Amino acid sequence: MKINVKRIPVDGEILRGVEPPSIMDLDEPDVHFKHEVAHDFLAQIQGNALLVTGTVRTPATLRCSRCLVIFEHPLVVSHFVFHQELHGEDFVDLTPQIREDIILELPQRALCQEDCRGLCTHCGKNLNDGPCQCRPKHEDMQWHALDQLKLS
């Protein structure tokens, strides 16, 4: 998104609109942007600098880290701030800053729902759809010897 700094009035300019999802240009297999990136900005010239503040919104299509289901997650940058000294430029491109702020809003561990139960470790069934038919193990003997240690 490029701003023409020469046309910004003294009291600032409100900039509302959308950018194509292609501005995200993210090469991640589990994160996709299929919808437009909406923005609502106030652009101001302060002395010899451009100040842009506002919000950015877009949904991201993510893969749940527990059950592998693909879902949409809304991303909102509620305090977008861009400040740059001007040195005679007519246009300033906000795209890299918008992209970075949206990426920073991505969850570290994407979950389709807060209490996602994930997949059965034996048969791979999505446990959010109900219990699987696997017989529960009575006891895992792998660590049994360590349980018998007397440490005091």
N, C-alpha and C. Protein backbone atom coordinates (compact mmCIF):
# COMPACT_ATOMS: atom_id res chain seq x y z
N MET A 1 0.85 -1.17 0.00
CA MET A 1 0.00 0.00 0.00
C MET A 1 0.89 1.23 0.00
N LYS A 2 0.77 2.04 -1.01
CA LYS A 2 1.58 3.24 -1.12
C LYS A 2 0.73 4.47 -0.80
N ILE A 3 1.34 5.37 -0.05
CA ILE A 3 0.68 6.62 0.33
C ILE A 3 1.37 7.77 -0.39
N ASN A 4 0.57 8.64 -1.01
CA ASN A 4 1.09 9.85 -1.63
C ASN A 4 1.19 10.91 -0.52
N VAL A 5 2.40 11.14 -0.02
CA VAL A 5 2.57 12.05 1.12
C VAL A 5 2.34 13.50 0.73
N LYS A 6 2.41 13.83 -0.53
CA LYS A 6 2.21 15.21 -0.98
C LYS A 6 0.76 15.65 -0.91
N ARG A 7 -0.16 14.69 -0.90
CA ARG A 7 -1.58 15.07 -0.88
C ARG A 7 -2.22 14.99 0.50
N ILE A 8 -1.44 14.65 1.53
CA ILE A 8 -1.99 14.57 2.88
C ILE A 8 -2.21 15.99 3.41
N PRO A 9 -3.45 16.34 3.79
CA PRO A 9 -3.71 17.68 4.30
C PRO A 9 -3.06 17.90 5.68
N VAL A 10 -3.05 19.13 6.12
CA VAL A 10 -2.42 19.51 7.39
C VAL A 10 -3.04 18.76 8.57
N ASP A 11 -4.36 18.59 8.56
CA ASP A 11 -5.03 17.92 9.68
C ASP A 11 -5.06 16.40 9.53
N GLY A 12 -4.40 15.84 8.52
CA GLY A 12 -4.31 14.40 8.33
C GLY A 12 -5.35 13.88 7.36
N GLU A 13 -5.20 12.62 7.00
CA GLU A 13 -6.11 12.01 6.04
C GLU A 13 -6.47 10.61 6.54
N ILE A 14 -7.76 10.29 6.49
CA ILE A 14 -8.22 8.95 6.85
C ILE A 14 -8.14 8.09 5.61
N LEU A 15 -7.50 6.93 5.75
CA LEU A 15 -7.32 6.00 4.65
C LEU A 15 -7.97 4.67 5.02
N ARG A 16 -9.05 4.34 4.33
CA ARG A 16 -9.74 3.06 4.55
C ARG A 16 -9.73 2.30 3.24
N GLY A 17 -9.53 0.99 3.34
CA GLY A 17 -9.55 0.20 2.12
C GLY A 17 -9.09 -1.21 2.36
N VAL A 18 -8.83 -1.90 1.28
CA VAL A 18 -8.38 -3.29 1.34
C VAL A 18 -7.21 -3.48 0.38
N GLU A 19 -6.37 -4.41 0.74
CA GLU A 19 -5.24 -4.80 -0.09
C GLU A 19 -5.42 -6.27 -0.45
N PRO A 20 -4.89 -6.70 -1.58
CA PRO A 20 -5.05 -8.11 -1.96
C PRO A 20 -4.27 -9.03 -1.03
N PRO A 21 -4.71 -10.29 -0.90
CA PRO A 21 -3.99 -11.22 -0.02
C PRO A 21 -2.57 -11.49 -0.49
N SER A 22 -2.26 -11.19 -1.73
CA SER A 22 -0.92 -11.43 -2.26
C SER A 22 0.16 -10.60 -1.57
N ILE A 23 -0.21 -9.53 -0.85
CA ILE A 23 0.81 -8.74 -0.15
C ILE A 23 1.45 -9.53 0.97
N MET A 24 0.78 -10.60 1.44
CA MET A 24 1.34 -11.39 2.54
C MET A 24 2.50 -12.25 2.08
N ASP A 25 2.49 -12.76 0.87
CA ASP A 25 3.61 -13.47 0.26
C ASP A 25 4.35 -14.34 1.27
N LEU A 26 3.62 -15.27 1.89
CA LEU A 26 4.17 -16.12 2.94
C LEU A 26 4.28 -17.55 2.42
N ASP A 27 5.47 -18.13 2.50
CA ASP A 27 5.71 -19.48 2.00
C ASP A 27 5.73 -20.46 3.17
N GLU A 28 4.56 -20.67 3.76
CA GLU A 28 4.40 -21.59 4.89
C GLU A 28 3.33 -22.61 4.51
N PRO A 29 3.59 -23.90 4.69
CA PRO A 29 2.59 -24.89 4.29
C PRO A 29 1.31 -24.87 5.14
N ASP A 30 1.38 -24.41 6.38
CA ASP A 30 0.22 -24.45 7.26
C ASP A 30 -0.43 -23.09 7.50
N VAL A 31 0.02 -22.07 6.77
CA VAL A 31 -0.54 -20.72 6.92
C VAL A 31 -0.79 -20.15 5.53
N HIS A 32 -2.04 -19.75 5.28
CA HIS A 32 -2.39 -19.16 3.98
C HIS A 32 -3.26 -17.94 4.21
N PHE A 33 -3.14 -17.00 3.30
CA PHE A 33 -3.99 -15.81 3.32
C PHE A 33 -4.78 -15.79 2.03
N LYS A 34 -6.12 -15.99 2.16
CA LYS A 34 -6.99 -16.08 0.99
C LYS A 34 -7.92 -14.88 0.87
N HIS A 35 -7.96 -14.05 1.92
CA HIS A 35 -8.89 -12.93 1.94
C HIS A 35 -8.13 -11.61 1.94
N GLU A 36 -8.83 -10.56 1.58
CA GLU A 36 -8.22 -9.23 1.53
C GLU A 36 -7.78 -8.77 2.92
N VAL A 37 -6.81 -7.88 2.92
CA VAL A 37 -6.30 -7.27 4.15
C VAL A 37 -6.95 -5.89 4.26
N ALA A 38 -7.81 -5.73 5.26
CA ALA A 38 -8.53 -4.46 5.44
C ALA A 38 -7.73 -3.55 6.36
N HIS A 39 -7.73 -2.25 6.05
CA HIS A 39 -7.02 -1.29 6.89
C HIS A 39 -7.87 -0.05 7.11
N ASP A 40 -7.65 0.57 8.24
CA ASP A 40 -8.32 1.81 8.63
C ASP A 40 -7.26 2.67 9.29
N PHE A 41 -6.71 3.65 8.55
CA PHE A 41 -5.56 4.42 9.00
C PHE A 41 -5.86 5.91 9.08
N LEU A 42 -5.06 6.58 9.91
CA LEU A 42 -4.99 8.04 9.92
C LEU A 42 -3.55 8.38 9.59
N ALA A 43 -3.36 9.05 8.46
CA ALA A 43 -2.02 9.45 8.03
C ALA A 43 -1.83 10.94 8.31
N GLN A 44 -0.70 11.29 8.93
CA GLN A 44 -0.41 12.69 9.28
C GLN A 44 1.04 13.01 8.95
N ILE A 45 1.25 14.25 8.57
CA ILE A 45 2.61 14.76 8.41
C ILE A 45 2.92 15.54 9.67
N GLN A 46 3.97 15.13 10.37
CA GLN A 46 4.38 15.81 11.59
C GLN A 46 5.81 16.29 11.40
N GLY A 47 5.94 17.57 11.14
CA GLY A 47 7.26 18.13 10.86
C GLY A 47 7.78 17.57 9.55
N ASN A 48 8.86 16.82 9.63
CA ASN A 48 9.47 16.24 8.44
C ASN A 48 9.29 14.72 8.44
N ALA A 49 8.18 14.22 9.02
CA ALA A 49 7.97 12.78 9.14
C ALA A 49 6.52 12.42 8.83
N LEU A 50 6.34 11.19 8.41
CA LEU A 50 5.01 10.63 8.18
C LEU A 50 4.67 9.74 9.35
N LEU A 51 3.47 9.93 9.93
CA LEU A 51 2.97 9.09 11.00
C LEU A 51 1.64 8.49 10.53
N VAL A 52 1.58 7.16 10.56
CA VAL A 52 0.35 6.45 10.20
C VAL A 52 -0.03 5.55 11.37
N THR A 53 -1.27 5.70 11.84
CA THR A 53 -1.78 4.88 12.93
C THR A 53 -3.12 4.29 12.53
N GLY A 54 -3.50 3.19 13.16
CA GLY A 54 -4.80 2.61 12.86
C GLY A 54 -4.85 1.12 13.11
N THR A 55 -5.73 0.44 12.37
CA THR A 55 -5.93 -0.99 12.53
C THR A 55 -5.81 -1.71 11.19
N VAL A 56 -5.44 -2.99 11.29
CA VAL A 56 -5.36 -3.88 10.12
C VAL A 56 -6.06 -5.17 10.51
N ARG A 57 -6.88 -5.71 9.59
CA ARG A 57 -7.63 -6.94 9.86
C ARG A 57 -7.59 -7.86 8.65
N THR A 58 -7.42 -9.15 8.91
CA THR A 58 -7.54 -10.16 7.87
C THR A 58 -7.66 -11.53 8.52
N PRO A 59 -8.41 -12.45 7.92
CA PRO A 59 -8.41 -13.82 8.44
C PRO A 59 -7.26 -14.61 7.83
N ALA A 60 -6.70 -15.51 8.61
CA ALA A 60 -5.66 -16.42 8.11
C ALA A 60 -6.24 -17.83 8.12
N THR A 61 -5.87 -18.60 7.12
CA THR A 61 -6.26 -20.00 7.06
C THR A 61 -5.10 -20.81 7.63
N LEU A 62 -5.35 -21.48 8.75
CA LEU A 62 -4.30 -22.19 9.49
C LEU A 62 -4.62 -23.67 9.61
N ARG A 63 -3.61 -24.46 9.93
CA ARG A 63 -3.79 -25.89 10.22
C ARG A 63 -3.59 -26.07 11.72
N CYS A 64 -4.56 -26.72 12.36
CA CYS A 64 -4.49 -26.95 13.81
C CYS A 64 -3.28 -27.82 14.13
N SER A 65 -2.53 -27.44 15.13
CA SER A 65 -1.32 -28.16 15.48
C SER A 65 -1.61 -29.46 16.24
N ARG A 66 -2.84 -29.67 16.67
CA ARG A 66 -3.18 -30.90 17.38
C ARG A 66 -3.94 -31.90 16.51
N CYS A 67 -4.95 -31.43 15.76
CA CYS A 67 -5.79 -32.36 15.00
C CYS A 67 -5.62 -32.23 13.49
N LEU A 68 -4.85 -31.27 13.04
CA LEU A 68 -4.51 -31.05 11.63
C LEU A 68 -5.68 -30.56 10.77
N VAL A 69 -6.77 -30.13 11.38
CA VAL A 69 -7.90 -29.57 10.66
C VAL A 69 -7.55 -28.16 10.20
N ILE A 70 -8.00 -27.80 9.00
CA ILE A 70 -7.77 -26.45 8.49
C ILE A 70 -8.93 -25.57 8.93
N PHE A 71 -8.61 -24.37 9.45
CA PHE A 71 -9.64 -23.46 9.96
C PHE A 71 -9.20 -22.02 9.72
N GLU A 72 -10.15 -21.11 9.81
CA GLU A 72 -9.84 -19.68 9.67
C GLU A 72 -9.75 -19.04 11.04
N HIS A 73 -8.76 -18.17 11.17
CA HIS A 73 -8.50 -17.47 12.43
C HIS A 73 -8.39 -15.98 12.12
N PRO A 74 -9.23 -15.14 12.75
CA PRO A 74 -9.13 -13.70 12.49
C PRO A 74 -7.88 -13.10 13.12
N LEU A 75 -7.19 -12.27 12.36
CA LEU A 75 -6.01 -11.56 12.86
C LEU A 75 -6.31 -10.08 12.85
N VAL A 76 -6.03 -9.42 13.96
CA VAL A 76 -6.30 -7.98 14.08
C VAL A 76 -5.06 -7.31 14.68
N VAL A 77 -4.55 -6.33 13.96
CA VAL A 77 -3.49 -5.47 14.49
C VAL A 77 -4.21 -4.21 14.93
N SER A 78 -4.47 -4.10 16.22
CA SER A 78 -5.31 -2.99 16.71
C SER A 78 -4.52 -1.71 16.92
N HIS A 79 -3.21 -1.79 17.02
CA HIS A 79 -2.39 -0.59 17.23
C HIS A 79 -1.28 -0.52 16.20
N PHE A 80 -1.66 -0.43 14.93
CA PHE A 80 -0.67 -0.29 13.87
C PHE A 80 -0.06 1.11 13.95
N VAL A 81 1.26 1.18 13.94
CA VAL A 81 1.96 2.47 13.96
C VAL A 81 3.12 2.41 12.98
N PHE A 82 3.19 3.41 12.12
CA PHE A 82 4.29 3.53 11.16
C PHE A 82 4.80 4.96 11.25
N HIS A 83 6.10 5.12 11.42
CA HIS A 83 6.71 6.44 11.49
C HIS A 83 7.97 6.43 10.64
N GLN A 84 8.08 7.42 9.75
CA GLN A 84 9.26 7.48 8.88
C GLN A 84 9.61 8.93 8.58
N GLU A 85 10.88 9.24 8.72
CA GLU A 85 11.37 10.55 8.32
C GLU A 85 11.25 10.67 6.80
N LEU A 86 10.85 11.83 6.34
CA LEU A 86 10.71 12.06 4.90
C LEU A 86 11.91 12.84 4.38
N HIS A 87 12.41 12.39 3.25
CA HIS A 87 13.56 13.05 2.62
C HIS A 87 13.22 13.36 1.17
N GLY A 88 12.08 14.00 0.95
CA GLY A 88 11.67 14.40 -0.39
C GLY A 88 10.87 13.35 -1.15
N GLU A 89 10.52 12.21 -0.51
CA GLU A 89 9.75 11.18 -1.21
C GLU A 89 8.33 11.68 -1.48
N ASP A 90 7.79 11.27 -2.62
CA ASP A 90 6.39 11.54 -2.93
C ASP A 90 5.49 10.43 -2.42
N PHE A 91 6.02 9.19 -2.41
CA PHE A 91 5.25 8.03 -2.00
C PHE A 91 6.01 7.23 -0.96
N VAL A 92 5.26 6.67 -0.01
CA VAL A 92 5.84 5.78 1.01
C VAL A 92 5.04 4.49 0.97
N ASP A 93 5.75 3.36 0.92
CA ASP A 93 5.11 2.05 0.86
C ASP A 93 4.99 1.47 2.26
N LEU A 94 3.74 1.20 2.68
CA LEU A 94 3.47 0.62 4.00
C LEU A 94 3.39 -0.91 3.97
N THR A 95 3.44 -1.49 2.79
CA THR A 95 3.23 -2.94 2.65
C THR A 95 4.15 -3.78 3.55
N PRO A 96 5.46 -3.54 3.59
CA PRO A 96 6.31 -4.38 4.45
C PRO A 96 5.93 -4.31 5.93
N GLN A 97 5.57 -3.13 6.40
CA GLN A 97 5.19 -2.98 7.81
C GLN A 97 3.85 -3.65 8.10
N ILE A 98 2.88 -3.53 7.18
CA ILE A 98 1.59 -4.19 7.35
C ILE A 98 1.80 -5.70 7.40
N ARG A 99 2.59 -6.20 6.47
CA ARG A 99 2.87 -7.64 6.41
C ARG A 99 3.53 -8.13 7.70
N GLU A 100 4.52 -7.43 8.18
CA GLU A 100 5.24 -7.83 9.40
C GLU A 100 4.31 -7.83 10.61
N ASP A 101 3.49 -6.80 10.75
CA ASP A 101 2.60 -6.73 11.91
C ASP A 101 1.55 -7.85 11.89
N ILE A 102 1.07 -8.22 10.72
CA ILE A 102 0.11 -9.32 10.62
C ILE A 102 0.79 -10.64 10.98
N ILE A 103 1.98 -10.86 10.48
CA ILE A 103 2.71 -12.10 10.79
C ILE A 103 2.97 -12.21 12.29
N LEU A 104 3.26 -11.09 12.94
CA LEU A 104 3.48 -11.11 14.39
C LEU A 104 2.21 -11.46 15.16
N GLU A 105 1.04 -11.28 14.56
CA GLU A 105 -0.23 -11.62 15.22
C GLU A 105 -0.57 -13.10 15.08
N LEU A 106 0.15 -13.85 14.24
CA LEU A 106 -0.13 -15.28 14.10
C LEU A 106 0.13 -16.00 15.42
N PRO A 107 -0.73 -16.95 15.78
CA PRO A 107 -0.50 -17.69 17.02
C PRO A 107 0.73 -18.59 16.89
N GLN A 108 1.46 -18.74 17.97
CA GLN A 108 2.63 -19.63 17.95
C GLN A 108 2.20 -21.07 17.74
N ARG A 109 1.09 -21.45 18.31
CA ARG A 109 0.56 -22.81 18.17
C ARG A 109 -0.91 -22.66 17.80
N ALA A 110 -1.22 -22.91 16.54
CA ALA A 110 -2.58 -22.75 16.04
C ALA A 110 -3.47 -23.87 16.55
N LEU A 111 -4.59 -23.49 17.17
CA LEU A 111 -5.56 -24.46 17.66
C LEU A 111 -6.93 -24.13 17.08
N CYS A 112 -7.61 -25.15 16.54
CA CYS A 112 -8.93 -24.93 15.95
C CYS A 112 -9.95 -24.54 17.02
N GLN A 113 -9.75 -25.03 18.23
CA GLN A 113 -10.55 -24.65 19.38
C GLN A 113 -9.67 -24.80 20.61
N GLU A 114 -9.97 -24.04 21.62
CA GLU A 114 -9.11 -24.01 22.81
C GLU A 114 -8.93 -25.39 23.45
N ASP A 115 -9.98 -26.20 23.43
CA ASP A 115 -9.90 -27.52 24.05
C ASP A 115 -9.79 -28.64 23.02
N CYS A 116 -9.08 -28.40 21.94
CA CYS A 116 -8.88 -29.40 20.89
C CYS A 116 -8.25 -30.66 21.51
N ARG A 117 -8.83 -31.82 21.21
CA ARG A 117 -8.36 -33.07 21.79
C ARG A 117 -7.30 -33.76 20.93
N GLY A 118 -7.10 -33.28 19.71
CA GLY A 118 -6.05 -33.83 18.86
C GLY A 118 -6.41 -35.15 18.22
N LEU A 119 -5.39 -35.92 17.84
CA LEU A 119 -5.55 -37.20 17.16
C LEU A 119 -5.16 -38.34 18.09
N CYS A 120 -5.80 -39.47 17.90
CA CYS A 120 -5.42 -40.68 18.65
C CYS A 120 -4.01 -41.07 18.21
N THR A 121 -3.16 -41.37 19.17
CA THR A 121 -1.77 -41.70 18.86
C THR A 121 -1.64 -43.08 18.22
N HIS A 122 -2.68 -43.89 18.28
CA HIS A 122 -2.62 -45.24 17.72
C HIS A 122 -3.28 -45.32 16.35
N CYS A 123 -4.52 -44.85 16.23
CA CYS A 123 -5.24 -45.02 14.96
C CYS A 123 -5.31 -43.73 14.14
N GLY A 124 -5.05 -42.58 14.76
CA GLY A 124 -5.06 -41.31 14.03
C GLY A 124 -6.42 -40.66 13.91
N LYS A 125 -7.44 -41.17 14.59
CA LYS A 125 -8.78 -40.58 14.53
C LYS A 125 -8.79 -39.23 15.23
N ASN A 126 -9.53 -38.27 14.65
CA ASN A 126 -9.71 -36.97 15.27
C ASN A 126 -10.60 -37.15 16.50
N LEU A 127 -10.05 -36.94 17.68
CA LEU A 127 -10.78 -37.16 18.93
C LEU A 127 -11.83 -36.08 19.20
N ASN A 128 -11.82 -34.99 18.43
CA ASN A 128 -12.87 -33.99 18.55
C ASN A 128 -14.19 -34.51 18.00
N ASP A 129 -14.12 -35.52 17.11
CA ASP A 129 -15.32 -36.10 16.51
C ASP A 129 -15.89 -37.23 17.37
N GLY A 130 -15.23 -37.55 18.47
CA GLY A 130 -15.69 -38.62 19.35
C GLY A 130 -14.54 -39.57 19.64
N PRO A 131 -14.78 -40.51 20.58
CA PRO A 131 -13.71 -41.44 20.94
C PRO A 131 -13.43 -42.43 19.81
N CYS A 132 -12.22 -42.93 19.79
CA CYS A 132 -11.84 -43.92 18.78
C CYS A 132 -12.15 -45.32 19.32
N GLN A 133 -11.90 -46.33 18.50
CA GLN A 133 -12.20 -47.71 18.87
C GLN A 133 -10.97 -48.45 19.41
N CYS A 134 -9.88 -47.72 19.62
CA CYS A 134 -8.67 -48.35 20.15
C CYS A 134 -8.92 -48.80 21.58
N ARG A 135 -8.35 -49.95 21.94
CA ARG A 135 -8.45 -50.41 23.31
C ARG A 135 -7.44 -49.65 24.14
N PRO A 136 -7.87 -49.09 25.27
CA PRO A 136 -6.91 -48.34 26.09
C PRO A 136 -5.86 -49.27 26.67
N LYS A 137 -4.62 -48.81 26.71
CA LYS A 137 -3.54 -49.58 27.32
C LYS A 137 -3.74 -49.53 28.83
N HIS A 138 -3.51 -50.65 29.47
CA HIS A 138 -3.69 -50.69 30.92
C HIS A 138 -2.56 -49.96 31.62
N GLU A 139 -1.33 -50.18 31.18
CA GLU A 139 -0.21 -49.50 31.81
C GLU A 139 0.96 -49.52 30.86
N ASP A 140 1.63 -48.40 30.75
CA ASP A 140 2.84 -48.32 29.93
C ASP A 140 4.01 -48.74 30.79
N MET A 141 4.61 -49.87 30.48
CA MET A 141 5.70 -50.43 31.29
C MET A 141 7.06 -49.83 30.93
N GLN A 142 7.10 -48.95 29.97
CA GLN A 142 8.37 -48.40 29.49
C GLN A 142 9.16 -47.72 30.62
N TRP A 143 8.49 -47.01 31.49
CA TRP A 143 9.17 -46.26 32.55
C TRP A 143 8.98 -46.91 33.92
N HIS A 144 8.51 -48.12 33.95
CA HIS A 144 8.19 -48.81 35.20
C HIS A 144 9.41 -48.93 36.13
N ALA A 145 10.57 -49.19 35.59
CA ALA A 145 11.77 -49.33 36.41
C ALA A 145 12.12 -48.03 37.12
N LEU A 146 11.91 -46.92 36.47
CA LEU A 146 12.20 -45.61 37.10
C LEU A 146 11.20 -45.31 38.21
N ASP A 147 9.98 -45.78 38.09
CA ASP A 147 8.98 -45.57 39.13
C ASP A 147 9.35 -46.28 40.42
N GLN A 148 10.16 -47.32 40.33
CA GLN A 148 10.54 -48.12 41.51
C GLN A 148 11.73 -47.55 42.26
N LEU A 149 12.40 -46.52 41.72
CA LEU A 149 13.57 -45.93 42.38
C LEU A 149 13.18 -45.23 43.67
N LYS A 150 13.99 -45.38 44.69
CA LYS A 150 13.81 -44.68 45.97
C LYS A 150 14.86 -43.59 46.02
N LEU A 151 14.43 -42.34 45.96
CA LEU A 151 15.37 -41.21 45.87
C LEU A 151 15.62 -40.53 47.20
N SER A 152 15.06 -40.95 48.29
CA SER A 152 15.33 -40.25 49.54
C SER A 152 15.82 -41.13 50.64
